[in-house]
Amino acid sequence: MLGDANSVPTVNRRLLHVGRKFNFEMLTLTEPGKPTLQREVVRHPGAVIVLPLADGPRGQEIVMIRNWRLSVEDWMWELPAGTLEKGEDPLACAARELEEETGHKAATIEPLCRFHTSPGLSDELMWAFVARGLAEGPQHLEVDEHVTVHRLSAYECVRRAEAGEMTDAKSMLVLLLAARKGLIRT
């Protein structure tokens, strides 16, 4: 909590950089009787993540991706996800990202939750969805994406998260929340 009920902080914003997907701002917080604070913040348009559930020969399966992430220079186990386009509805974005990254279309896509991914440095709000009734098709990757598609049991997905083989926090959160809610059987 900032100060006490009688103090009113003032936040000044200065645009530092306009990026291709994200902007960067310097925030200056002034509050009576306190030192001035400055923080750099990533302004993010929001994103989605999709938990694609499929019926397979061994029962329920989850469509996961292996995604080459330049920022960590490694392959990561992830659920399909992506950034909202300007003015795009999160549900429409979820359907688009599912098809682009995995080639699957869903008969139904339902909301699961929403969460801030890293509020200490960004305002990114992510919407999570559950997709069912999947039909396979071709991927539609962007030129800079390197993604492979894998169907794994829910048990295997949760095992990878618990064993440290999956380090993508958004995917781990959605998998563990879905397991806790009984949407996936581990």
C-alpha atoms as a PDB file:
ATOM      1  CA  MET A   1       0.000   0.000   0.000  1.00  0.00           C
ATOM      2  CA  LEU A   2       1.289   3.467  -0.796  1.00  0.00           C
ATOM      3  CA  GLY A   3       1.739   5.675   2.237  1.00  0.00           C
ATOM      4  CA  ASP A   4      -1.230   6.260   4.457  1.00  0.00           C
ATOM      5  CA  ALA A   5      -4.833   7.164   3.711  1.00  0.00           C
ATOM      6  CA  ASN A   6      -4.032  10.906   3.776  1.00  0.00           C
ATOM      7  CA  SER A   7      -1.175  10.887   1.250  1.00  0.00           C
ATOM      8  CA  VAL A   8      -1.893  11.027  -2.451  1.00  0.00           C
ATOM      9  CA  PRO A   9       0.954   9.825  -4.684  1.00  0.00           C
ATOM     10  CA  THR A  10       1.566  11.504  -8.016  1.00  0.00           C
ATOM     11  CA  VAL A  11       2.757   9.468 -10.995  1.00  0.00           C
ATOM     12  CA  ASN A  12       4.376  11.154 -13.980  1.00  0.00           C
ATOM     13  CA  ARG A  13       4.938   9.136 -17.141  1.00  0.00           C
ATOM     14  CA  ARG A  14       7.603   9.655 -19.804  1.00  0.00           C
ATOM     15  CA  LEU A  15       7.682   7.555 -22.968  1.00  0.00           C
ATOM     16  CA  LEU A  16      11.171   6.109 -23.435  1.00  0.00           C
ATOM     17  CA  HIS A  17      10.725   3.914 -26.493  1.00  0.00           C
ATOM     18  CA  VAL A  18       7.992   2.773 -28.883  1.00  0.00           C
ATOM     19  CA  GLY A  19       8.641  -0.843 -29.789  1.00  0.00           C
ATOM     20  CA  ARG A  20       7.183  -3.169 -32.400  1.00  0.00           C
ATOM     21  CA  LYS A  21       4.916  -4.837 -29.817  1.00  0.00           C
ATOM     22  CA  PHE A  22       5.629  -3.059 -26.517  1.00  0.00           C
ATOM     23  CA  ASN A  23       6.339   0.462 -25.319  1.00  0.00           C
ATOM     24  CA  PHE A  24       8.662   1.459 -22.497  1.00  0.00           C
ATOM     25  CA  GLU A  25       7.918   4.227 -19.994  1.00  0.00           C
ATOM     26  CA  MET A  26       9.733   5.845 -17.093  1.00  0.00           C
ATOM     27  CA  LEU A  27       7.401   6.334 -14.144  1.00  0.00           C
ATOM     28  CA  THR A  28       8.268   8.901 -11.489  1.00  0.00           C
ATOM     29  CA  LEU A  29       6.337   8.513  -8.239  1.00  0.00           C
ATOM     30  CA  THR A  30       6.266  11.429  -5.837  1.00  0.00           C
ATOM     31  CA  GLU A  31       4.572  11.245  -2.482  1.00  0.00           C
ATOM     32  CA  PRO A  32       4.648  13.861   0.293  1.00  0.00           C
ATOM     33  CA  GLY A  33       7.375  13.129   2.846  1.00  0.00           C
ATOM     34  CA  LYS A  34       8.898  10.267   0.817  1.00  0.00           C
ATOM     35  CA  PRO A  35      11.815  10.008  -1.592  1.00  0.00           C
ATOM     36  CA  THR A  36      11.020  10.233  -5.315  1.00  0.00           C
ATOM     37  CA  LEU A  37      11.008   6.822  -7.027  1.00  0.00           C
ATOM     38  CA  GLN A  38      11.663   6.066 -10.680  1.00  0.00           C
ATOM     39  CA  ARG A  39      10.814   2.795 -12.395  1.00  0.00           C
ATOM     40  CA  GLU A  40      10.976   1.632 -16.005  1.00  0.00           C
ATOM     41  CA  VAL A  41       7.797  -0.135 -17.078  1.00  0.00           C
ATOM     42  CA  VAL A  42       6.909  -2.235 -20.121  1.00  0.00           C
ATOM     43  CA  ARG A  43       3.513  -1.245 -21.534  1.00  0.00           C
ATOM     44  CA  HIS A  44       1.975  -4.358 -23.034  1.00  0.00           C
ATOM     45  CA  PRO A  45      -1.240  -4.676 -25.102  1.00  0.00           C
ATOM     46  CA  GLY A  46      -2.215  -7.913 -23.327  1.00  0.00           C
ATOM     47  CA  ALA A  47      -1.983 -11.544 -24.330  1.00  0.00           C
ATOM     48  CA  VAL A  48      -3.716 -14.910 -24.275  1.00  0.00           C
ATOM     49  CA  ILE A  49      -2.784 -18.486 -23.463  1.00  0.00           C
ATOM     50  CA  VAL A  50      -4.756 -21.551 -24.536  1.00  0.00           C
ATOM     51  CA  LEU A  51      -5.084 -24.971 -22.890  1.00  0.00           C
ATOM     52  CA  PRO A  52      -6.004 -27.217 -25.864  1.00  0.00           C
ATOM     53  CA  LEU A  53      -7.647 -30.449 -24.684  1.00  0.00           C
ATOM     54  CA  ALA A  54      -7.947 -33.377 -27.100  1.00  0.00           C
ATOM     55  CA  ASP A  55      -9.091 -36.981 -26.971  1.00  0.00           C
ATOM     56  CA  GLY A  56      -6.305 -39.346 -27.930  1.00  0.00           C
ATOM     57  CA  PRO A  57      -5.760 -43.107 -28.045  1.00  0.00           C
ATOM     58  CA  ARG A  58      -4.583 -43.020 -24.410  1.00  0.00           C
ATOM     59  CA  GLY A  59      -7.344 -40.715 -23.203  1.00  0.00           C
ATOM     60  CA  GLN A  60      -7.178 -36.992 -22.611  1.00  0.00           C
ATOM     61  CA  GLU A  61      -4.222 -35.213 -24.210  1.00  0.00           C
ATOM     62  CA  ILE A  62      -2.936 -31.649 -24.143  1.00  0.00           C
ATOM     63  CA  VAL A  63      -1.547 -29.997 -27.254  1.00  0.00           C
ATOM     64  CA  MET A  64       1.765 -28.473 -26.174  1.00  0.00           C
ATOM     65  CA  ILE A  65       4.393 -26.689 -28.213  1.00  0.00           C
ATOM     66  CA  ARG A  66       8.172 -26.592 -28.131  1.00  0.00           C
ATOM     67  CA  ASN A  67       9.012 -22.974 -28.818  1.00  0.00           C
ATOM     68  CA  TRP A  68      12.488 -21.575 -29.550  1.00  0.00           C
ATOM     69  CA  ARG A  69      12.699 -18.430 -27.414  1.00  0.00           C
ATOM     70  CA  LEU A  70      15.383 -15.993 -28.478  1.00  0.00           C
ATOM     71  CA  SER A  71      15.277 -14.193 -25.111  1.00  0.00           C
ATOM     72  CA  VAL A  72      16.503 -17.329 -23.289  1.00  0.00           C
ATOM     73  CA  GLU A  73      18.195 -18.875 -26.351  1.00  0.00           C
ATOM     74  CA  ASP A  74      16.581 -22.236 -25.736  1.00  0.00           C
ATOM     75  CA  TRP A  75      13.603 -24.441 -26.541  1.00  0.00           C
ATOM     76  CA  MET A  76      10.736 -24.211 -24.048  1.00  0.00           C
ATOM     77  CA  TRP A  77       7.697 -26.375 -23.377  1.00  0.00           C
ATOM     78  CA  GLU A  78       4.671 -24.082 -23.567  1.00  0.00           C
ATOM     79  CA  LEU A  79       0.965 -23.897 -24.164  1.00  0.00           C
ATOM     80  CA  PRO A  80       0.052 -21.869 -27.281  1.00  0.00           C
ATOM     81  CA  ALA A  81      -0.042 -18.154 -26.506  1.00  0.00           C
ATOM     82  CA  GLY A  82       0.304 -14.780 -28.129  1.00  0.00           C
ATOM     83  CA  THR A  83      -0.070 -11.033 -27.991  1.00  0.00           C
ATOM     84  CA  LEU A  84      -3.330  -9.215 -28.654  1.00  0.00           C
ATOM     85  CA  GLU A  85      -3.480  -7.102 -31.786  1.00  0.00           C
ATOM     86  CA  LYS A  86      -4.744  -3.546 -31.301  1.00  0.00           C
ATOM     87  CA  GLY A  87      -8.475  -3.689 -30.483  1.00  0.00           C
ATOM     88  CA  GLU A  88      -8.579  -7.503 -30.693  1.00  0.00           C
ATOM     89  CA  ASP A  89     -10.955  -9.437 -28.445  1.00  0.00           C
ATOM     90  CA  PRO A  90      -9.075 -11.943 -26.224  1.00  0.00           C
ATOM     91  CA  LEU A  91     -11.341 -14.832 -27.305  1.00  0.00           C
ATOM     92  CA  ALA A  92     -10.670 -14.101 -30.993  1.00  0.00           C
ATOM     93  CA  CYS A  93      -6.950 -13.862 -30.236  1.00  0.00           C
ATOM     94  CA  ALA A  94      -7.054 -17.254 -28.475  1.00  0.00           C
ATOM     95  CA  ALA A  95      -8.638 -18.896 -31.524  1.00  0.00           C
ATOM     96  CA  ARG A  96      -6.121 -17.198 -33.831  1.00  0.00           C
ATOM     97  CA  GLU A  97      -3.070 -18.145 -31.767  1.00  0.00           C
ATOM     98  CA  LEU A  98      -4.244 -21.754 -31.345  1.00  0.00           C
ATOM     99  CA  GLU A  99      -4.519 -22.142 -35.119  1.00  0.00           C
ATOM    100  CA  GLU A 100      -1.331 -20.226 -35.943  1.00  0.00           C
ATOM    101  CA  GLU A 101       0.904 -22.076 -33.483  1.00  0.00           C
ATOM    102  CA  THR A 102      -0.614 -25.577 -33.481  1.00  0.00           C
ATOM    103  CA  GLY A 103      -2.742 -25.771 -36.626  1.00  0.00           C
ATOM    104  CA  HIS A 104      -5.762 -26.753 -34.504  1.00  0.00           C
ATOM    105  CA  LYS A 105      -9.222 -25.181 -34.611  1.00  0.00           C
ATOM    106  CA  ALA A 106     -11.489 -25.593 -31.583  1.00  0.00           C
ATOM    107  CA  ALA A 107     -15.212 -26.279 -31.506  1.00  0.00           C
ATOM    108  CA  THR A 108     -15.393 -24.422 -28.179  1.00  0.00           C
ATOM    109  CA  ILE A 109     -13.120 -22.005 -26.358  1.00  0.00           C
ATOM    110  CA  GLU A 110     -14.041 -21.003 -22.812  1.00  0.00           C
ATOM    111  CA  PRO A 111     -12.411 -18.590 -20.365  1.00  0.00           C
ATOM    112  CA  LEU A 112     -10.405 -20.057 -17.479  1.00  0.00           C
ATOM    113  CA  CYS A 113      -8.873 -17.022 -15.725  1.00  0.00           C
ATOM    114  CA  ARG A 114      -6.852 -13.867 -16.230  1.00  0.00           C
ATOM    115  CA  PHE A 115      -3.658 -12.755 -14.514  1.00  0.00           C
ATOM    116  CA  HIS A 116      -0.844 -10.229 -14.596  1.00  0.00           C
ATOM    117  CA  THR A 117       2.287 -11.981 -15.819  1.00  0.00           C
ATOM    118  CA  SER A 118       4.961  -9.833 -14.196  1.00  0.00           C
ATOM    119  CA  PRO A 119       3.482  -6.798 -12.416  1.00  0.00           C
ATOM    120  CA  GLY A 120       6.857  -5.731 -11.062  1.00  0.00           C
ATOM    121  CA  LEU A 121       7.940  -4.618 -14.528  1.00  0.00           C
ATOM    122  CA  SER A 122       4.960  -4.753 -16.901  1.00  0.00           C
ATOM    123  CA  ASP A 123       1.231  -4.088 -17.076  1.00  0.00           C
ATOM    124  CA  GLU A 124       0.683  -7.214 -19.232  1.00  0.00           C
ATOM    125  CA  LEU A 125      -2.682  -8.837 -18.524  1.00  0.00           C
ATOM    126  CA  MET A 126      -3.070 -12.368 -19.862  1.00  0.00           C
ATOM    127  CA  TRP A 127      -6.360 -14.160 -20.479  1.00  0.00           C
ATOM    128  CA  ALA A 128      -6.352 -17.979 -20.226  1.00  0.00           C
ATOM    129  CA  PHE A 129      -8.779 -20.157 -22.183  1.00  0.00           C
ATOM    130  CA  VAL A 130      -9.645 -23.847 -22.471  1.00  0.00           C
ATOM    131  CA  ALA A 131     -10.141 -25.166 -26.014  1.00  0.00           C
ATOM    132  CA  ARG A 132     -12.047 -28.386 -26.765  1.00  0.00           C
ATOM    133  CA  GLY A 133     -13.251 -30.254 -29.836  1.00  0.00           C
ATOM    134  CA  LEU A 134      -9.993 -29.816 -31.721  1.00  0.00           C
ATOM    135  CA  ALA A 135      -9.625 -30.361 -35.457  1.00  0.00           C
ATOM    136  CA  GLU A 136      -6.093 -30.569 -36.846  1.00  0.00           C
ATOM    137  CA  GLY A 137      -4.824 -28.468 -39.700  1.00  0.00           C
ATOM    138  CA  PRO A 138      -1.650 -26.706 -40.814  1.00  0.00           C
ATOM    139  CA  GLN A 139       0.305 -24.268 -38.664  1.00  0.00           C
ATOM    140  CA  HIS A 140       0.501 -20.622 -39.756  1.00  0.00           C
ATOM    141  CA  LEU A 141       3.729 -19.514 -38.089  1.00  0.00           C
ATOM    142  CA  GLU A 142       5.178 -16.034 -38.344  1.00  0.00           C
ATOM    143  CA  VAL A 143       8.528 -15.800 -40.089  1.00  0.00           C
ATOM    144  CA  ASP A 144      10.450 -15.541 -36.798  1.00  0.00           C
ATOM    145  CA  GLU A 145       8.667 -18.432 -35.024  1.00  0.00           C
ATOM    146  CA  HIS A 146      10.185 -21.887 -34.538  1.00  0.00           C
ATOM    147  CA  VAL A 147       7.469 -24.094 -33.034  1.00  0.00           C
ATOM    148  CA  THR A 148       6.879 -27.847 -32.971  1.00  0.00           C
ATOM    149  CA  VAL A 149       3.568 -29.393 -31.869  1.00  0.00           C
ATOM    150  CA  HIS A 150       3.292 -32.283 -29.387  1.00  0.00           C
ATOM    151  CA  ARG A 151       0.383 -34.138 -27.807  1.00  0.00           C
ATOM    152  CA  LEU A 152       1.118 -35.148 -24.224  1.00  0.00           C
ATOM    153  CA  SER A 153      -0.952 -36.621 -21.437  1.00  0.00           C
ATOM    154  CA  ALA A 154      -1.982 -34.252 -18.660  1.00  0.00           C
ATOM    155  CA  TYR A 155       0.121 -36.369 -16.312  1.00  0.00           C
ATOM    156  CA  GLU A 156       3.213 -35.836 -18.491  1.00  0.00           C
ATOM    157  CA  CYS A 157       2.610 -32.069 -18.713  1.00  0.00           C
ATOM    158  CA  VAL A 158       2.264 -31.672 -14.950  1.00  0.00           C
ATOM    159  CA  ARG A 159       5.231 -33.992 -14.374  1.00  0.00           C
ATOM    160  CA  ARG A 160       7.402 -31.795 -16.628  1.00  0.00           C
ATOM    161  CA  ALA A 161       6.309 -28.687 -14.706  1.00  0.00           C
ATOM    162  CA  GLU A 162       7.021 -30.281 -11.325  1.00  0.00           C
ATOM    163  CA  ALA A 163      10.373 -31.725 -12.480  1.00  0.00           C
ATOM    164  CA  GLY A 164      11.642 -28.360 -13.730  1.00  0.00           C
ATOM    165  CA  GLU A 165      11.608 -29.470 -17.373  1.00  0.00           C
ATOM    166  CA  MET A 166       9.018 -26.782 -18.084  1.00  0.00           C
ATOM    167  CA  THR A 167       9.989 -23.305 -16.913  1.00  0.00           C
ATOM    168  CA  ASP A 168       7.374 -21.177 -18.694  1.00  0.00           C
ATOM    169  CA  ALA A 169       5.402 -19.684 -15.809  1.00  0.00           C
ATOM    170  CA  LYS A 170       2.223 -18.923 -17.760  1.00  0.00           C
ATOM    171  CA  SER A 171       1.973 -22.522 -18.980  1.00  0.00           C
ATOM    172  CA  MET A 172       2.735 -23.930 -15.541  1.00  0.00           C
ATOM    173  CA  LEU A 173       0.081 -21.726 -13.923  1.00  0.00           C
ATOM    174  CA  VAL A 174      -2.624 -22.695 -16.410  1.00  0.00           C
ATOM    175  CA  LEU A 175      -1.807 -26.424 -16.232  1.00  0.00           C
ATOM    176  CA  LEU A 176      -1.744 -26.516 -12.444  1.00  0.00           C
ATOM    177  CA  LEU A 177      -4.927 -24.411 -12.144  1.00  0.00           C
ATOM    178  CA  ALA A 178      -6.718 -26.656 -14.656  1.00  0.00           C
ATOM    179  CA  ALA A 179      -5.607 -29.743 -12.713  1.00  0.00           C
ATOM    180  CA  ARG A 180      -6.797 -28.192  -9.458  1.00  0.00           C
ATOM    181  CA  LYS A 181     -10.185 -27.371 -11.029  1.00  0.00           C
ATOM    182  CA  GLY A 182     -10.517 -30.942 -12.355  1.00  0.00           C
ATOM    183  CA  LEU A 183     -10.407 -29.905 -16.008  1.00  0.00           C
ATOM    184  CA  ILE A 184      -7.471 -32.198 -16.676  1.00  0.00           C
ATOM    185  CA  ARG A 185      -6.814 -35.620 -15.198  1.00  0.00           C
ATOM    186  CA  THR A 186      -3.310 -36.124 -13.863  1.00  0.00           C
END
